Each structure stands twice: as C-alpha cells, then as structure tokens.
Amino acid sequence: MNWLAHVFLSEQHIDFQMGNYLADPLKGKLWDEASENMKRGMEVHKIIDSFTDSHILYIKSKNTLASTGLLRSVVMDITYDYFLTKNWDKFSQIPHQKFSEIFYIEAKEQLKTLPELPAQKVHHFIQRDILNKYKSIDDLRMAFKRFDKRLSVRLMQRDTASKYLENVSKNSEELEKYFLDFFPQLCEEVKKNVDINKISHWKI
C-alpha cells in the first residue's frame, strides 16, 4: 500500500499517522525519543505491508500487470492509492479533502518537534500534497514517470514503472474489483492492532 492508505489506516493521532508514513523513508527505524504513538504507527505500517504483500488478491493484481517484473509492487501500491482515492467515500467518514487538510495542518504543527531528517521527509510530503496525488489515470502516468526519473540507468534497462501504465489502464476494472475485495480485509487486519475507539474516521 502507498502513502494515502498508510495515513488512513492509522489511529486519529498525528504522531501515529506520521509514524505509519515514516516507516519507509526512515527504513523502519525511529529516533530514541520518538513518541509511543509514533512507534505504534510504524509497527502498523509493517503489519500493513506484510499482510498486503502475501495476500492472494494483491498477488493477482500484480500478475494482471505482468507475470514478472521488478517494479510490479511499486506500480500496484500507487495504483491501489488511486483506487482508494476513487472509492474514498466507501471507507471514510471524513471527505477526502477534509481528511488531507487536517493531516497537513497537524503535521505542520509537529514539524518543529521532529529531528532534521524526519522533519524534511514530512515537509516534503506536505509540499508535494501526497494525499491528493492519485485522482486519475493521468495522475498515475505522471507518478510513474516521476518514479522512473529516480531509477539508475542499470535498473531502467531491466524495468520501468511507466511500462505498466497500459496494462493498468486496460485492466482497470478488474484491478479495482480486486482492490475493493481486498481493502476491507486489510482494514479488519489492522483493527486487530489499533485502538478501535481511535479509528472513528473509518466506515468499516
């Protein structure tokens, strides 16, 4: 799952949400003084990734793109954020734009409490408006291109994200069905590891 899903699948506490996001850019390691909510958010991030990567519907989604490919998971994570954006009202009590605004306001207030590197990562997240990045297939095209620009020449010779766009577009209905079947199951898994009194923004 990508950034929107990780922030959504968090307790309604900014440290928990930021911990869920920061797990990837900080490679799963927080600073010693990080809050308990930050630590729990990072742990839930790992649970989300483990459940997702091993789930049959996610594997079927990747196989719909291609039978092999180094970047299938990256492409699928971004595409699943697109489907979450598209179907947001099925899962959230809070409108997508409002949810994003609340997160950005609270994250900005917390920047001064973070060490330099995580503060840079969160600031970049806010500046790029990551929670509103994937609203259309064209947005996916642009996201795949941005990702490809960060690849080494050697890796680009083996695979690119952009090469999957045609299959994402062509198989969009099937992939969306996989997502809609999968995401409620992921939510149920996350519920086992969070305080259910702090996920009132969920509909399921």
N, C-alpha and C. Protein backbone atom coordinates (compact mmCIF):
# COMPACT_ATOMS: atom_id res chain seq x y z
N MET A 1 0.84 -1.19 0.00
CA MET A 1 0.00 0.00 0.00
C MET A 1 0.87 1.24 0.00
N ASN A 2 0.33 2.32 -0.55
CA ASN A 2 1.10 3.55 -0.65
C ASN A 2 0.69 4.54 0.45
N TRP A 3 1.13 5.79 0.33
CA TRP A 3 1.05 6.75 1.45
C TRP A 3 -0.36 7.06 1.92
N LEU A 4 -1.30 7.26 1.00
CA LEU A 4 -2.66 7.58 1.41
C LEU A 4 -3.24 6.48 2.28
N ALA A 5 -3.07 5.25 1.85
CA ALA A 5 -3.60 4.12 2.62
C ALA A 5 -2.95 4.04 4.00
N HIS A 6 -1.65 4.28 4.07
CA HIS A 6 -0.97 4.18 5.37
C HIS A 6 -1.46 5.26 6.34
N VAL A 7 -1.65 6.47 5.85
CA VAL A 7 -2.15 7.53 6.73
C VAL A 7 -3.59 7.25 7.15
N PHE A 8 -4.40 6.78 6.21
CA PHE A 8 -5.80 6.45 6.53
C PHE A 8 -5.87 5.30 7.54
N LEU A 9 -5.05 4.28 7.36
CA LEU A 9 -5.09 3.09 8.22
C LEU A 9 -4.30 3.33 9.50
N SER A 10 -4.57 4.44 10.13
CA SER A 10 -3.91 4.85 11.37
C SER A 10 -4.95 5.31 12.37
N GLU A 11 -4.55 5.27 13.63
CA GLU A 11 -5.39 5.91 14.63
C GLU A 11 -5.39 7.42 14.39
N GLN A 12 -6.43 8.09 14.85
CA GLN A 12 -6.54 9.53 14.64
C GLN A 12 -5.64 10.29 15.62
N HIS A 13 -4.36 10.16 15.39
CA HIS A 13 -3.36 10.88 16.17
C HIS A 13 -2.22 11.19 15.20
N ILE A 14 -1.78 12.44 15.15
CA ILE A 14 -0.82 12.83 14.12
C ILE A 14 0.49 12.07 14.25
N ASP A 15 0.95 11.79 15.47
CA ASP A 15 2.19 11.03 15.62
C ASP A 15 2.03 9.61 15.06
N PHE A 16 0.89 9.00 15.32
CA PHE A 16 0.62 7.66 14.80
C PHE A 16 0.62 7.70 13.27
N GLN A 17 -0.04 8.68 12.70
CA GLN A 17 -0.11 8.81 11.24
C GLN A 17 1.27 9.04 10.64
N MET A 18 2.05 9.93 11.26
CA MET A 18 3.39 10.20 10.74
C MET A 18 4.29 8.98 10.88
N GLY A 19 4.16 8.24 11.98
CA GLY A 19 4.94 7.03 12.15
C GLY A 19 4.61 6.00 11.08
N ASN A 20 3.34 5.90 10.73
CA ASN A 20 2.90 4.98 9.68
C ASN A 20 3.51 5.39 8.34
N TYR A 21 3.57 6.68 8.06
CA TYR A 21 4.20 7.16 6.83
C TYR A 21 5.72 7.00 6.86
N LEU A 22 6.36 7.40 7.97
CA LEU A 22 7.82 7.49 8.03
C LEU A 22 8.52 6.12 8.01
N ALA A 23 7.79 5.05 8.19
CA ALA A 23 8.42 3.73 8.22
C ALA A 23 9.26 3.46 6.98
N ASP A 24 8.78 3.86 5.82
CA ASP A 24 9.54 3.63 4.59
C ASP A 24 10.73 4.57 4.44
N PRO A 25 10.53 5.90 4.46
CA PRO A 25 11.69 6.77 4.26
C PRO A 25 12.75 6.66 5.35
N LEU A 26 12.37 6.23 6.56
CA LEU A 26 13.34 6.04 7.64
C LEU A 26 13.77 4.58 7.77
N LYS A 27 13.33 3.76 6.81
CA LYS A 27 13.72 2.34 6.77
C LYS A 27 13.41 1.61 8.08
N GLY A 28 12.26 1.94 8.66
CA GLY A 28 11.77 1.22 9.83
C GLY A 28 12.46 1.54 11.13
N LYS A 29 13.25 2.63 11.16
CA LYS A 29 13.99 2.96 12.39
C LYS A 29 13.68 4.38 12.83
N LEU A 30 13.16 4.52 14.04
CA LEU A 30 12.86 5.83 14.61
C LEU A 30 13.98 6.28 15.54
N TRP A 31 14.00 7.56 15.86
CA TRP A 31 14.95 8.10 16.81
C TRP A 31 14.55 7.70 18.23
N ASP A 32 15.49 7.74 19.14
CA ASP A 32 15.27 7.23 20.51
C ASP A 32 14.12 7.93 21.23
N GLU A 33 13.95 9.23 20.99
CA GLU A 33 12.94 10.00 21.73
C GLU A 33 11.57 10.01 21.05
N ALA A 34 11.41 9.24 20.00
CA ALA A 34 10.12 9.22 19.29
C ALA A 34 9.01 8.78 20.25
N SER A 35 7.82 9.35 20.06
CA SER A 35 6.70 9.07 20.96
C SER A 35 6.19 7.64 20.78
N GLU A 36 5.45 7.18 21.76
CA GLU A 36 4.87 5.85 21.69
C GLU A 36 3.91 5.74 20.51
N ASN A 37 3.14 6.79 20.25
CA ASN A 37 2.23 6.78 19.10
C ASN A 37 3.00 6.66 17.79
N MET A 38 4.13 7.34 17.69
CA MET A 38 4.97 7.25 16.50
C MET A 38 5.45 5.81 16.31
N LYS A 39 5.89 5.19 17.38
CA LYS A 39 6.38 3.80 17.31
C LYS A 39 5.26 2.85 16.90
N ARG A 40 4.08 3.06 17.47
CA ARG A 40 2.96 2.18 17.13
C ARG A 40 2.53 2.36 15.67
N GLY A 41 2.59 3.59 15.19
CA GLY A 41 2.27 3.84 13.79
C GLY A 41 3.22 3.11 12.87
N MET A 42 4.51 3.12 13.21
CA MET A 42 5.49 2.42 12.40
C MET A 42 5.27 0.91 12.43
N GLU A 43 4.89 0.37 13.59
CA GLU A 43 4.61 -1.06 13.68
C GLU A 43 3.41 -1.44 12.83
N VAL A 44 2.39 -0.60 12.82
CA VAL A 44 1.21 -0.89 11.99
C VAL A 44 1.57 -0.82 10.51
N HIS A 45 2.47 0.07 10.15
CA HIS A 45 2.95 0.12 8.76
C HIS A 45 3.50 -1.25 8.34
N LYS A 46 4.30 -1.84 9.20
CA LYS A 46 4.90 -3.14 8.88
C LYS A 46 3.83 -4.22 8.77
N ILE A 47 2.81 -4.16 9.63
CA ILE A 47 1.71 -5.12 9.56
C ILE A 47 0.95 -4.97 8.24
N ILE A 48 0.70 -3.74 7.84
CA ILE A 48 0.00 -3.48 6.57
C ILE A 48 0.78 -4.07 5.41
N ASP A 49 2.08 -3.80 5.37
CA ASP A 49 2.90 -4.27 4.25
C ASP A 49 2.97 -5.79 4.22
N SER A 50 3.13 -6.41 5.37
CA SER A 50 3.24 -7.86 5.42
C SER A 50 1.93 -8.53 4.95
N PHE A 51 0.80 -8.02 5.45
CA PHE A 51 -0.50 -8.57 5.07
C PHE A 51 -0.74 -8.39 3.58
N THR A 52 -0.43 -7.20 3.08
CA THR A 52 -0.67 -6.88 1.67
C THR A 52 0.18 -7.74 0.76
N ASP A 53 1.47 -7.79 1.01
CA ASP A 53 2.39 -8.49 0.11
C ASP A 53 2.09 -9.97 -0.03
N SER A 54 1.50 -10.57 1.00
CA SER A 54 1.22 -12.01 0.97
C SER A 54 -0.22 -12.35 0.58
N HIS A 55 -1.05 -11.33 0.35
CA HIS A 55 -2.46 -11.58 0.10
C HIS A 55 -2.70 -12.00 -1.35
N ILE A 56 -3.55 -13.00 -1.53
CA ILE A 56 -3.79 -13.55 -2.87
C ILE A 56 -4.34 -12.51 -3.84
N LEU A 57 -5.19 -11.60 -3.36
CA LEU A 57 -5.77 -10.60 -4.26
C LEU A 57 -4.73 -9.57 -4.71
N TYR A 58 -3.80 -9.25 -3.83
CA TYR A 58 -2.72 -8.35 -4.22
C TYR A 58 -1.79 -9.05 -5.20
N ILE A 59 -1.52 -10.31 -4.97
CA ILE A 59 -0.69 -11.08 -5.89
C ILE A 59 -1.36 -11.21 -7.25
N LYS A 60 -2.68 -11.44 -7.26
CA LYS A 60 -3.42 -11.49 -8.53
C LYS A 60 -3.35 -10.15 -9.24
N SER A 61 -3.42 -9.07 -8.47
CA SER A 61 -3.33 -7.74 -9.08
C SER A 61 -2.00 -7.57 -9.78
N LYS A 62 -0.91 -7.95 -9.12
CA LYS A 62 0.41 -7.83 -9.73
C LYS A 62 0.51 -8.71 -10.98
N ASN A 63 -0.05 -9.90 -10.91
CA ASN A 63 0.03 -10.80 -12.05
C ASN A 63 -0.83 -10.33 -13.22
N THR A 64 -1.82 -9.49 -12.94
CA THR A 64 -2.61 -8.90 -14.01
C THR A 64 -1.76 -7.91 -14.81
N LEU A 65 -0.82 -7.27 -14.13
CA LEU A 65 0.08 -6.34 -14.82
C LEU A 65 1.09 -7.08 -15.68
N ALA A 66 1.68 -8.13 -15.12
CA ALA A 66 2.69 -8.93 -15.81
C ALA A 66 3.02 -10.12 -14.93
N SER A 67 3.54 -11.18 -15.54
CA SER A 67 3.88 -12.37 -14.76
C SER A 67 5.16 -12.16 -13.96
N THR A 68 6.03 -11.28 -14.43
CA THR A 68 7.25 -10.94 -13.72
C THR A 68 7.53 -9.45 -13.88
N GLY A 69 8.44 -8.95 -13.06
CA GLY A 69 8.82 -7.54 -13.17
C GLY A 69 9.23 -6.99 -11.82
N LEU A 70 10.36 -6.32 -11.79
CA LEU A 70 10.91 -5.82 -10.53
C LEU A 70 10.03 -4.76 -9.88
N LEU A 71 9.30 -4.00 -10.68
CA LEU A 71 8.57 -2.84 -10.18
C LEU A 71 7.07 -3.05 -10.10
N ARG A 72 6.62 -4.28 -10.22
CA ARG A 72 5.17 -4.52 -10.17
C ARG A 72 4.58 -4.08 -8.83
N SER A 73 5.28 -4.33 -7.73
CA SER A 73 4.75 -3.96 -6.41
C SER A 73 4.65 -2.45 -6.27
N VAL A 74 5.65 -1.74 -6.74
CA VAL A 74 5.62 -0.27 -6.69
C VAL A 74 4.42 0.25 -7.46
N VAL A 75 4.25 -0.25 -8.67
CA VAL A 75 3.14 0.18 -9.52
C VAL A 75 1.81 -0.15 -8.87
N MET A 76 1.71 -1.33 -8.27
CA MET A 76 0.45 -1.74 -7.68
C MET A 76 0.13 -0.92 -6.44
N ASP A 77 1.14 -0.59 -5.64
CA ASP A 77 0.91 0.23 -4.44
C ASP A 77 0.35 1.59 -4.83
N ILE A 78 0.95 2.21 -5.83
CA ILE A 78 0.47 3.52 -6.29
C ILE A 78 -0.93 3.41 -6.87
N THR A 79 -1.17 2.35 -7.64
CA THR A 79 -2.48 2.16 -8.26
C THR A 79 -3.55 1.91 -7.21
N TYR A 80 -3.22 1.18 -6.14
CA TYR A 80 -4.18 0.97 -5.07
C TYR A 80 -4.52 2.28 -4.36
N ASP A 81 -3.58 3.21 -4.24
CA ASP A 81 -3.90 4.53 -3.70
C ASP A 81 -4.87 5.28 -4.62
N TYR A 82 -4.73 5.09 -5.91
CA TYR A 82 -5.68 5.67 -6.87
C TYR A 82 -7.08 5.10 -6.63
N PHE A 83 -7.17 3.79 -6.45
CA PHE A 83 -8.49 3.19 -6.21
C PHE A 83 -9.06 3.61 -4.86
N LEU A 84 -8.20 3.80 -3.86
CA LEU A 84 -8.68 4.28 -2.57
C LEU A 84 -9.22 5.70 -2.71
N THR A 85 -8.51 6.54 -3.43
CA THR A 85 -9.00 7.90 -3.68
C THR A 85 -10.34 7.87 -4.39
N LYS A 86 -10.44 7.06 -5.42
CA LYS A 86 -11.66 6.96 -6.23
C LYS A 86 -12.85 6.47 -5.41
N ASN A 87 -12.58 5.57 -4.47
CA ASN A 87 -13.66 4.95 -3.67
C ASN A 87 -13.65 5.42 -2.22
N TRP A 88 -13.08 6.57 -1.98
CA TRP A 88 -12.86 7.08 -0.63
C TRP A 88 -14.11 7.04 0.24
N ASP A 89 -15.23 7.48 -0.32
CA ASP A 89 -16.46 7.59 0.48
C ASP A 89 -17.02 6.24 0.91
N LYS A 90 -16.55 5.17 0.30
CA LYS A 90 -16.96 3.83 0.74
C LYS A 90 -16.31 3.46 2.07
N PHE A 91 -15.17 4.08 2.37
CA PHE A 91 -14.37 3.66 3.51
C PHE A 91 -14.23 4.71 4.60
N SER A 92 -14.41 5.97 4.26
CA SER A 92 -14.13 7.04 5.22
C SER A 92 -15.37 7.84 5.59
N GLN A 93 -15.43 8.19 6.86
CA GLN A 93 -16.49 9.07 7.35
C GLN A 93 -16.18 10.54 7.03
N ILE A 94 -14.92 10.83 6.75
CA ILE A 94 -14.48 12.20 6.52
C ILE A 94 -14.19 12.38 5.03
N PRO A 95 -14.71 13.43 4.39
CA PRO A 95 -14.39 13.67 2.97
C PRO A 95 -12.89 13.71 2.74
N HIS A 96 -12.48 13.26 1.59
CA HIS A 96 -11.06 13.13 1.28
C HIS A 96 -10.30 14.45 1.44
N GLN A 97 -10.84 15.53 0.91
CA GLN A 97 -10.16 16.81 1.00
C GLN A 97 -10.02 17.27 2.45
N LYS A 98 -11.06 17.07 3.24
CA LYS A 98 -11.02 17.46 4.65
C LYS A 98 -10.00 16.62 5.41
N PHE A 99 -9.98 15.33 5.13
CA PHE A 99 -9.02 14.43 5.78
C PHE A 99 -7.59 14.90 5.50
N SER A 100 -7.32 15.25 4.25
CA SER A 100 -5.99 15.71 3.86
C SER A 100 -5.64 17.01 4.56
N GLU A 101 -6.58 17.95 4.59
CA GLU A 101 -6.33 19.25 5.21
C GLU A 101 -6.00 19.10 6.69
N ILE A 102 -6.74 18.26 7.38
CA ILE A 102 -6.50 18.05 8.82
C ILE A 102 -5.10 17.48 9.05
N PHE A 103 -4.73 16.49 8.23
CA PHE A 103 -3.41 15.89 8.38
C PHE A 103 -2.32 16.93 8.15
N TYR A 104 -2.43 17.72 7.08
CA TYR A 104 -1.39 18.69 6.77
C TYR A 104 -1.26 19.75 7.86
N ILE A 105 -2.38 20.23 8.38
CA ILE A 105 -2.35 21.24 9.45
C ILE A 105 -1.64 20.69 10.68
N GLU A 106 -2.03 19.48 11.08
CA GLU A 106 -1.46 18.88 12.29
C GLU A 106 0.01 18.50 12.08
N ALA A 107 0.35 18.03 10.88
CA ALA A 107 1.74 17.66 10.59
C ALA A 107 2.64 18.89 10.60
N LYS A 108 2.17 20.01 10.05
CA LYS A 108 2.96 21.24 10.08
C LYS A 108 3.25 21.68 11.50
N GLU A 109 2.27 21.53 12.37
CA GLU A 109 2.45 21.92 13.78
C GLU A 109 3.47 21.04 14.48
N GLN A 110 3.63 19.81 14.00
CA GLN A 110 4.55 18.87 14.64
C GLN A 110 5.97 18.95 14.08
N LEU A 111 6.17 19.62 12.96
CA LEU A 111 7.48 19.64 12.31
C LEU A 111 8.59 20.07 13.27
N LYS A 112 8.32 21.07 14.07
CA LYS A 112 9.36 21.61 14.97
C LYS A 112 9.76 20.62 16.05
N THR A 113 8.97 19.58 16.27
CA THR A 113 9.28 18.60 17.31
C THR A 113 10.10 17.44 16.76
N LEU A 114 10.31 17.39 15.44
CA LEU A 114 10.97 16.25 14.80
C LEU A 114 12.45 16.53 14.57
N PRO A 115 13.28 15.49 14.60
CA PRO A 115 14.67 15.65 14.17
C PRO A 115 14.74 16.07 12.70
N GLU A 116 15.92 16.46 12.25
CA GLU A 116 16.07 17.07 10.93
C GLU A 116 15.59 16.18 9.78
N LEU A 117 16.03 14.93 9.73
CA LEU A 117 15.67 14.07 8.60
C LEU A 117 14.18 13.79 8.53
N PRO A 118 13.54 13.30 9.60
CA PRO A 118 12.09 13.08 9.51
C PRO A 118 11.32 14.37 9.25
N ALA A 119 11.79 15.49 9.79
CA ALA A 119 11.13 16.77 9.52
C ALA A 119 11.19 17.09 8.04
N GLN A 120 12.34 16.83 7.41
CA GLN A 120 12.47 17.05 5.96
C GLN A 120 11.51 16.16 5.19
N LYS A 121 11.40 14.90 5.60
CA LYS A 121 10.52 13.96 4.90
C LYS A 121 9.06 14.38 5.01
N VAL A 122 8.63 14.78 6.20
CA VAL A 122 7.24 15.19 6.40
C VAL A 122 6.97 16.50 5.67
N HIS A 123 7.92 17.44 5.72
CA HIS A 123 7.75 18.71 4.99
C HIS A 123 7.60 18.45 3.49
N HIS A 124 8.42 17.58 2.96
CA HIS A 124 8.34 17.23 1.53
C HIS A 124 6.99 16.59 1.22
N PHE A 125 6.51 15.74 2.10
CA PHE A 125 5.21 15.08 1.95
C PHE A 125 4.10 16.13 1.83
N ILE A 126 4.15 17.13 2.72
CA ILE A 126 3.14 18.19 2.72
C ILE A 126 3.25 19.04 1.47
N GLN A 127 4.47 19.45 1.13
CA GLN A 127 4.68 20.34 -0.02
C GLN A 127 4.23 19.70 -1.31
N ARG A 128 4.40 18.41 -1.44
CA ARG A 128 4.01 17.70 -2.67
C ARG A 128 2.54 17.27 -2.66
N ASP A 129 1.84 17.53 -1.55
CA ASP A 129 0.42 17.20 -1.45
C ASP A 129 0.19 15.72 -1.80
N ILE A 130 0.95 14.86 -1.15
CA ILE A 130 0.95 13.44 -1.50
C ILE A 130 -0.42 12.79 -1.33
N LEU A 131 -1.21 13.25 -0.37
CA LEU A 131 -2.51 12.61 -0.12
C LEU A 131 -3.52 12.87 -1.23
N ASN A 132 -3.21 13.80 -2.12
CA ASN A 132 -4.12 14.11 -3.23
C ASN A 132 -3.47 13.86 -4.59
N LYS A 133 -2.50 12.97 -4.65
CA LYS A 133 -1.68 12.80 -5.84
C LYS A 133 -2.29 11.92 -6.91
N TYR A 134 -3.22 11.03 -6.56
CA TYR A 134 -3.62 9.98 -7.50
C TYR A 134 -5.13 9.98 -7.72
N LYS A 135 -5.59 10.97 -8.46
CA LYS A 135 -7.03 11.11 -8.69
C LYS A 135 -7.48 10.62 -10.07
N SER A 136 -6.56 10.27 -10.93
CA SER A 136 -6.92 9.86 -12.29
C SER A 136 -5.82 8.98 -12.87
N ILE A 137 -6.13 8.33 -13.97
CA ILE A 137 -5.13 7.54 -14.68
C ILE A 137 -3.98 8.44 -15.15
N ASP A 138 -4.30 9.65 -15.54
CA ASP A 138 -3.25 10.57 -15.96
C ASP A 138 -2.31 10.90 -14.79
N ASP A 139 -2.87 11.00 -13.59
CA ASP A 139 -2.04 11.21 -12.40
C ASP A 139 -1.10 10.02 -12.20
N LEU A 140 -1.59 8.81 -12.46
CA LEU A 140 -0.74 7.63 -12.36
C LEU A 140 0.40 7.71 -13.37
N ARG A 141 0.08 8.11 -14.58
CA ARG A 141 1.11 8.24 -15.62
C ARG A 141 2.23 9.18 -15.15
N MET A 142 1.84 10.31 -14.59
CA MET A 142 2.82 11.27 -14.11
C MET A 142 3.61 10.71 -12.93
N ALA A 143 2.94 9.98 -12.04
CA ALA A 143 3.61 9.39 -10.89
C ALA A 143 4.64 8.34 -11.33
N PHE A 144 4.26 7.52 -12.32
CA PHE A 144 5.19 6.51 -12.82
C PHE A 144 6.41 7.16 -13.46
N LYS A 145 6.19 8.24 -14.19
CA LYS A 145 7.31 8.96 -14.80
C LYS A 145 8.24 9.55 -13.76
N ARG A 146 7.64 10.13 -12.70
CA ARG A 146 8.47 10.68 -11.62
C ARG A 146 9.30 9.60 -10.97
N PHE A 147 8.69 8.44 -10.77
CA PHE A 147 9.42 7.33 -10.16
C PHE A 147 10.57 6.89 -11.05
N ASP A 148 10.32 6.80 -12.34
CA ASP A 148 11.35 6.34 -13.28
C ASP A 148 12.56 7.27 -13.30
N LYS A 149 12.35 8.55 -13.05
CA LYS A 149 13.46 9.50 -13.05
C LYS A 149 14.45 9.23 -11.93
N ARG A 150 14.01 8.52 -10.90
CA ARG A 150 14.88 8.21 -9.76
C ARG A 150 15.62 6.89 -9.94
N LEU A 151 15.33 6.17 -11.01
CA LEU A 151 15.96 4.87 -11.23
C LEU A 151 17.36 5.02 -11.80
N SER A 152 18.20 4.08 -11.47
CA SER A 152 19.53 4.04 -12.08
C SER A 152 19.39 3.60 -13.54
N VAL A 153 20.41 3.92 -14.33
CA VAL A 153 20.40 3.51 -15.74
C VAL A 153 20.33 2.00 -15.84
N ARG A 154 21.04 1.33 -14.95
CA ARG A 154 21.06 -0.13 -14.97
C ARG A 154 19.68 -0.71 -14.71
N LEU A 155 18.97 -0.16 -13.72
CA LEU A 155 17.64 -0.69 -13.41
C LEU A 155 16.65 -0.35 -14.53
N MET A 156 16.77 0.84 -15.10
CA MET A 156 15.85 1.22 -16.18
C MET A 156 15.97 0.30 -17.38
N GLN A 157 17.14 -0.30 -17.55
CA GLN A 157 17.31 -1.25 -18.64
C GLN A 157 16.56 -2.55 -18.38
N ARG A 158 16.24 -2.80 -17.11
CA ARG A 158 15.55 -4.03 -16.73
C ARG A 158 14.04 -3.82 -16.58
N ASP A 159 13.64 -2.66 -16.06
CA ASP A 159 12.22 -2.42 -15.80
C ASP A 159 11.98 -0.93 -15.56
N THR A 160 10.77 -0.47 -15.85
CA THR A 160 10.34 0.88 -15.50
C THR A 160 8.90 0.82 -15.03
N ALA A 161 8.50 1.78 -14.25
CA ALA A 161 7.10 1.85 -13.81
C ALA A 161 6.18 2.21 -14.98
N SER A 162 6.67 3.08 -15.84
CA SER A 162 5.83 3.58 -16.94
C SER A 162 5.37 2.49 -17.89
N LYS A 163 6.14 1.44 -18.00
CA LYS A 163 5.78 0.40 -18.97
C LYS A 163 4.51 -0.34 -18.56
N TYR A 164 4.11 -0.20 -17.28
CA TYR A 164 2.91 -0.90 -16.80
C TYR A 164 1.63 -0.07 -16.99
N LEU A 165 1.77 1.18 -17.38
CA LEU A 165 0.60 2.06 -17.45
C LEU A 165 -0.47 1.50 -18.37
N GLU A 166 -0.08 1.01 -19.52
CA GLU A 166 -1.06 0.48 -20.47
C GLU A 166 -1.88 -0.65 -19.86
N ASN A 167 -1.21 -1.56 -19.16
CA ASN A 167 -1.93 -2.68 -18.54
C ASN A 167 -2.79 -2.22 -17.36
N VAL A 168 -2.33 -1.22 -16.62
CA VAL A 168 -3.16 -0.66 -15.55
C VAL A 168 -4.43 -0.08 -16.14
N SER A 169 -4.29 0.70 -17.19
CA SER A 169 -5.45 1.33 -17.83
C SER A 169 -6.38 0.30 -18.45
N LYS A 170 -5.81 -0.66 -19.16
CA LYS A 170 -6.59 -1.68 -19.86
C LYS A 170 -7.34 -2.59 -18.89
N ASN A 171 -6.74 -2.86 -17.75
CA ASN A 171 -7.32 -3.79 -16.78
C ASN A 171 -7.86 -3.09 -15.54
N SER A 172 -8.17 -1.81 -15.68
CA SER A 172 -8.55 -1.00 -14.52
C SER A 172 -9.76 -1.57 -13.78
N GLU A 173 -10.77 -2.02 -14.49
CA GLU A 173 -11.97 -2.54 -13.83
C GLU A 173 -11.66 -3.79 -13.01
N GLU A 174 -10.90 -4.69 -13.58
CA GLU A 174 -10.54 -5.92 -12.86
C GLU A 174 -9.68 -5.59 -11.64
N LEU A 175 -8.71 -4.70 -11.81
CA LEU A 175 -7.83 -4.33 -10.70
C LEU A 175 -8.61 -3.63 -9.59
N GLU A 176 -9.57 -2.80 -9.98
CA GLU A 176 -10.38 -2.10 -8.98
C GLU A 176 -11.23 -3.10 -8.19
N LYS A 177 -11.73 -4.11 -8.86
CA LYS A 177 -12.51 -5.14 -8.16
C LYS A 177 -11.64 -5.87 -7.15
N TYR A 178 -10.42 -6.22 -7.54
CA TYR A 178 -9.50 -6.85 -6.60
C TYR A 178 -9.30 -5.95 -5.38
N PHE A 179 -9.08 -4.66 -5.64
CA PHE A 179 -8.86 -3.71 -4.55
C PHE A 179 -10.07 -3.65 -3.62
N LEU A 180 -11.26 -3.55 -4.18
CA LEU A 180 -12.47 -3.40 -3.37
C LEU A 180 -12.75 -4.66 -2.54
N ASP A 181 -12.32 -5.80 -3.03
CA ASP A 181 -12.43 -7.03 -2.24
C ASP A 181 -11.35 -7.11 -1.17
N PHE A 182 -10.17 -6.61 -1.51
CA PHE A 182 -9.02 -6.71 -0.62
C PHE A 182 -9.04 -5.70 0.52
N PHE A 183 -9.37 -4.44 0.24
CA PHE A 183 -9.17 -3.39 1.23
C PHE A 183 -9.97 -3.60 2.52
N PRO A 184 -11.22 -4.03 2.46
CA PRO A 184 -11.92 -4.31 3.72
C PRO A 184 -11.24 -5.39 4.55
N GLN A 185 -10.63 -6.37 3.90
CA GLN A 185 -9.91 -7.40 4.63
C GLN A 185 -8.67 -6.82 5.31
N LEU A 186 -7.99 -5.91 4.61
CA LEU A 186 -6.85 -5.23 5.22
C LEU A 186 -7.28 -4.41 6.43
N CYS A 187 -8.40 -3.72 6.30
CA CYS A 187 -8.92 -2.93 7.43
C CYS A 187 -9.19 -3.81 8.64
N GLU A 188 -9.76 -4.98 8.41
CA GLU A 188 -10.04 -5.89 9.53
C GLU A 188 -8.75 -6.36 10.19
N GLU A 189 -7.72 -6.58 9.39
CA GLU A 189 -6.43 -6.98 9.96
C GLU A 189 -5.84 -5.86 10.80
N VAL A 190 -5.91 -4.64 10.30
CA VAL A 190 -5.36 -3.50 11.04
C VAL A 190 -6.13 -3.28 12.34
N LYS A 191 -7.45 -3.50 12.31
CA LYS A 191 -8.26 -3.33 13.51
C LYS A 191 -7.76 -4.15 14.69
N LYS A 192 -7.13 -5.28 14.41
CA LYS A 192 -6.62 -6.14 15.48
C LYS A 192 -5.44 -5.50 16.20
N ASN A 193 -4.87 -4.47 15.60
CA ASN A 193 -3.63 -3.90 16.11
C ASN A 193 -3.73 -2.42 16.45
N VAL A 194 -4.95 -1.89 16.50
CA VAL A 194 -5.17 -0.48 16.85
C VAL A 194 -6.28 -0.39 17.89
N ASP A 195 -6.40 0.77 18.49
CA ASP A 195 -7.50 1.06 19.42
C ASP A 195 -8.72 1.43 18.57
N ILE A 196 -9.73 0.59 18.57
CA ILE A 196 -10.89 0.82 17.69
C ILE A 196 -11.65 2.10 18.06
N ASN A 197 -11.42 2.61 19.25
CA ASN A 197 -12.05 3.88 19.63
C ASN A 197 -11.38 5.08 18.97
N LYS A 198 -10.24 4.83 18.31
CA LYS A 198 -9.49 5.91 17.68
C LYS A 198 -9.46 5.81 16.17
N ILE A 199 -10.40 5.03 15.60
CA ILE A 199 -10.50 4.94 14.15
C ILE A 199 -11.93 5.28 13.71
N SER A 200 -12.50 6.29 14.35
CA SER A 200 -13.88 6.68 14.05
C SER A 200 -14.01 7.28 12.65
N HIS A 201 -12.88 7.57 11.99
CA HIS A 201 -12.93 8.07 10.60
C HIS A 201 -13.20 6.94 9.61
N TRP A 202 -13.12 5.69 10.06
CA TRP A 202 -13.43 4.57 9.17
C TRP A 202 -14.94 4.32 9.12
N LYS A 203 -15.39 3.84 7.98
CA LYS A 203 -16.78 3.39 7.87
C LYS A 203 -16.90 1.90 8.12
N ILE A 204 -15.81 1.17 7.98
CA ILE A 204 -15.87 -0.29 8.07
C ILE A 204 -15.06 -0.78 9.27
